[in-house]
C-alpha atoms as a PDB file:
ATOM      1  CA  MET A   1    -180.497 -38.276 -44.115  1.00  0.00           C
ATOM      2  CA  ALA A   2    -178.874 -35.163 -45.555  1.00  0.00           C
ATOM      3  CA  THR A   3    -178.939 -34.600 -49.281  1.00  0.00           C
ATOM      4  CA  ARG A   4    -175.475 -34.636 -50.837  1.00  0.00           C
ATOM      5  CA  ARG A   5    -174.309 -32.964 -54.059  1.00  0.00           C
ATOM      6  CA  TRP A   6    -171.397 -33.457 -56.421  1.00  0.00           C
ATOM      7  CA  TRP A   7    -169.379 -30.330 -57.258  1.00  0.00           C
ATOM      8  CA  SER A   8    -166.589 -29.855 -59.758  1.00  0.00           C
ATOM      9  CA  PRO A   9    -163.099 -28.927 -58.485  1.00  0.00           C
ATOM     10  CA  GLY A  10    -163.579 -25.477 -60.041  1.00  0.00           C
ATOM     11  CA  LEU A  11    -166.749 -24.824 -58.074  1.00  0.00           C
ATOM     12  CA  TYR A  12    -164.980 -25.743 -54.838  1.00  0.00           C
ATOM     13  CA  GLU A  13    -162.263 -23.231 -55.768  1.00  0.00           C
ATOM     14  CA  ILE A  14    -164.809 -20.465 -56.440  1.00  0.00           C
ATOM     15  CA  ALA A  15    -166.601 -21.295 -53.178  1.00  0.00           C
ATOM     16  CA  GLY A  16    -163.383 -21.288 -51.156  1.00  0.00           C
ATOM     17  CA  LEU A  17    -164.007 -24.808 -49.871  1.00  0.00           C
ATOM     18  CA  THR A  18    -161.734 -27.834 -49.770  1.00  0.00           C
ATOM     19  CA  PRO A  19    -162.636 -30.303 -52.563  1.00  0.00           C
ATOM     20  CA  ARG A  20    -164.182 -33.600 -51.469  1.00  0.00           C
ATOM     21  CA  ALA A  21    -166.364 -36.299 -53.011  1.00  0.00           C
ATOM     22  CA  MET A  22    -169.693 -34.756 -51.997  1.00  0.00           C
ATOM     23  CA  ILE A  23    -171.010 -31.676 -50.178  1.00  0.00           C
ATOM     24  CA  SER A  24    -174.210 -31.533 -48.147  1.00  0.00           C
ATOM     25  CA  THR A  25    -177.021 -29.325 -49.383  1.00  0.00           C
ATOM     26  CA  ALA A  26    -177.224 -27.656 -45.979  1.00  0.00           C
ATOM     27  CA  GLU A  27    -173.502 -26.801 -45.994  1.00  0.00           C
ATOM     28  CA  ALA A  28    -173.719 -25.306 -49.465  1.00  0.00           C
ATOM     29  CA  ARG A  29    -176.875 -23.283 -48.865  1.00  0.00           C
ATOM     30  CA  MET A  30    -175.589 -21.750 -45.621  1.00  0.00           C
ATOM     31  CA  ARG A  31    -173.030 -19.855 -47.725  1.00  0.00           C
ATOM     32  CA  ILE A  32    -175.672 -18.020 -49.805  1.00  0.00           C
ATOM     33  CA  HIS A  33    -176.092 -14.472 -48.533  1.00  0.00           C
ATOM     34  CA  PRO A  34    -179.286 -14.178 -46.426  1.00  0.00           C
ATOM     35  CA  ASP A  35    -180.631 -11.326 -48.587  1.00  0.00           C
ATOM     36  CA  ASP A  36    -180.333 -13.519 -51.707  1.00  0.00           C
ATOM     37  CA  HIS A  37    -181.551 -16.806 -50.248  1.00  0.00           C
ATOM     38  CA  VAL A  38    -185.264 -16.501 -51.181  1.00  0.00           C
ATOM     39  CA  ALA A  39    -184.518 -15.581 -54.815  1.00  0.00           C
ATOM     40  CA  TRP A  40    -181.985 -18.434 -55.059  1.00  0.00           C
ATOM     41  CA  LEU A  41    -184.490 -20.936 -53.632  1.00  0.00           C
ATOM     42  CA  ASP A  42    -187.199 -19.720 -56.054  1.00  0.00           C
ATOM     43  CA  ALA A  43    -184.879 -20.309 -59.015  1.00  0.00           C
ATOM     44  CA  ARG A  44    -183.783 -23.676 -57.639  1.00  0.00           C
ATOM     45  CA  GLN A  45    -187.357 -24.845 -57.157  1.00  0.00           C
ATOM     46  CA  ALA A  46    -188.445 -23.691 -60.641  1.00  0.00           C
ATOM     47  CA  LEU A  47    -185.428 -25.215 -62.468  1.00  0.00           C
ATOM     48  CA  ASP A  48    -186.610 -23.323 -65.540  1.00  0.00           C
ATOM     49  CA  GLY A  49    -183.228 -22.153 -66.773  1.00  0.00           C
ATOM     50  CA  ARG A  50    -183.496 -18.656 -65.358  1.00  0.00           C
ATOM     51  CA  GLU A  51    -180.278 -16.883 -64.505  1.00  0.00           C
ATOM     52  CA  ILE A  52    -179.771 -15.612 -60.979  1.00  0.00           C
ATOM     53  CA  VAL A  53    -177.064 -13.412 -59.503  1.00  0.00           C
ATOM     54  CA  TYR A  54    -176.369 -13.826 -55.808  1.00  0.00           C
ATOM     55  CA  ARG A  55    -173.714 -13.379 -53.138  1.00  0.00           C
ATOM     56  CA  TRP A  56    -171.681 -16.254 -51.748  1.00  0.00           C
ATOM     57  CA  THR A  57    -169.750 -15.989 -48.472  1.00  0.00           C
ATOM     58  CA  ARG A  58    -166.497 -17.934 -48.494  1.00  0.00           C
ATOM     59  CA  PRO A  59    -165.130 -19.407 -45.225  1.00  0.00           C
ATOM     60  CA  SER A  60    -162.617 -16.529 -45.121  1.00  0.00           C
ATOM     61  CA  GLY A  61    -165.524 -14.039 -44.933  1.00  0.00           C
ATOM     62  CA  GLU A  62    -164.903 -12.791 -48.478  1.00  0.00           C
ATOM     63  CA  VAL A  63    -168.155 -12.247 -50.375  1.00  0.00           C
ATOM     64  CA  ARG A  64    -168.252 -13.133 -54.067  1.00  0.00           C
ATOM     65  CA  TRP A  65    -170.966 -12.427 -56.593  1.00  0.00           C
ATOM     66  CA  LEU A  66    -171.974 -15.516 -58.562  1.00  0.00           C
ATOM     67  CA  ARG A  67    -174.222 -15.993 -61.563  1.00  0.00           C
ATOM     68  CA  SER A  68    -176.007 -19.340 -61.910  1.00  0.00           C
ATOM     69  CA  ARG A  69    -178.490 -20.941 -64.249  1.00  0.00           C
ATOM     70  CA  MET A  70    -180.517 -23.856 -62.927  1.00  0.00           C
ATOM     71  CA  SER A  71    -182.329 -26.350 -65.107  1.00  0.00           C
ATOM     72  CA  SER A  72    -183.629 -29.885 -64.929  1.00  0.00           C
ATOM     73  CA  THR A  73    -183.744 -32.754 -67.363  1.00  0.00           C
ATOM     74  CA  ALA A  74    -184.069 -36.528 -67.234  1.00  0.00           C
ATOM     75  CA  THR A  75    -181.819 -39.325 -68.388  1.00  0.00           C
ATOM     76  CA  ALA A  76    -182.965 -41.988 -70.856  1.00  0.00           C
ATOM     77  CA  ALA A  77    -183.899 -44.087 -67.809  1.00  0.00           C
ATOM     78  CA  LYS A  78    -186.207 -41.250 -66.675  1.00  0.00           C
ATOM     79  CA  CYS A  79    -183.982 -40.377 -63.716  1.00  0.00           C
ATOM     80  CA  PRO A  80    -184.111 -36.616 -63.098  1.00  0.00           C
ATOM     81  CA  TRP A  81    -180.902 -34.684 -62.646  1.00  0.00           C
ATOM     82  CA  HIS A  82    -180.272 -31.009 -62.101  1.00  0.00           C
ATOM     83  CA  LEU A  83    -177.633 -28.776 -63.512  1.00  0.00           C
ATOM     84  CA  VAL A  84    -176.440 -25.712 -61.687  1.00  0.00           C
ATOM     85  CA  TRP A  85    -173.560 -23.769 -63.166  1.00  0.00           C
ATOM     86  CA  CYS A  86    -171.847 -20.773 -61.697  1.00  0.00           C
ATOM     87  CA  ARG A  87    -169.477 -18.121 -62.847  1.00  0.00           C
ATOM     88  CA  MET A  88    -168.119 -15.006 -61.255  1.00  0.00           C
END
C-alpha cells in the first residue's frame, strides 16, 4: 500500500501539479532533483526543524528552488503528524 499525503492547494500550485485529495509519497518524491534527494531524505527522517533548500522539477520540466522546514509533533491522542512547509 502506497503512503498518501495531504497537500494544500498552494503547494500543488508551486509544484505544478493538479490539485486532488491526496498525493502518493512516491509521486511527490520523484520530483525532487536527484542531486538534492539524499539531503532532503536526511531532513525528512530527522524531522528536527532544520531548513533545507532543494530543487523541484515540475511536470513542464521547469525547475524551481524550494525551501522547506520539516518537524514532527504529536496530537493530544499521541498520534504523530508531520509538518512540511515550502516556499520559493
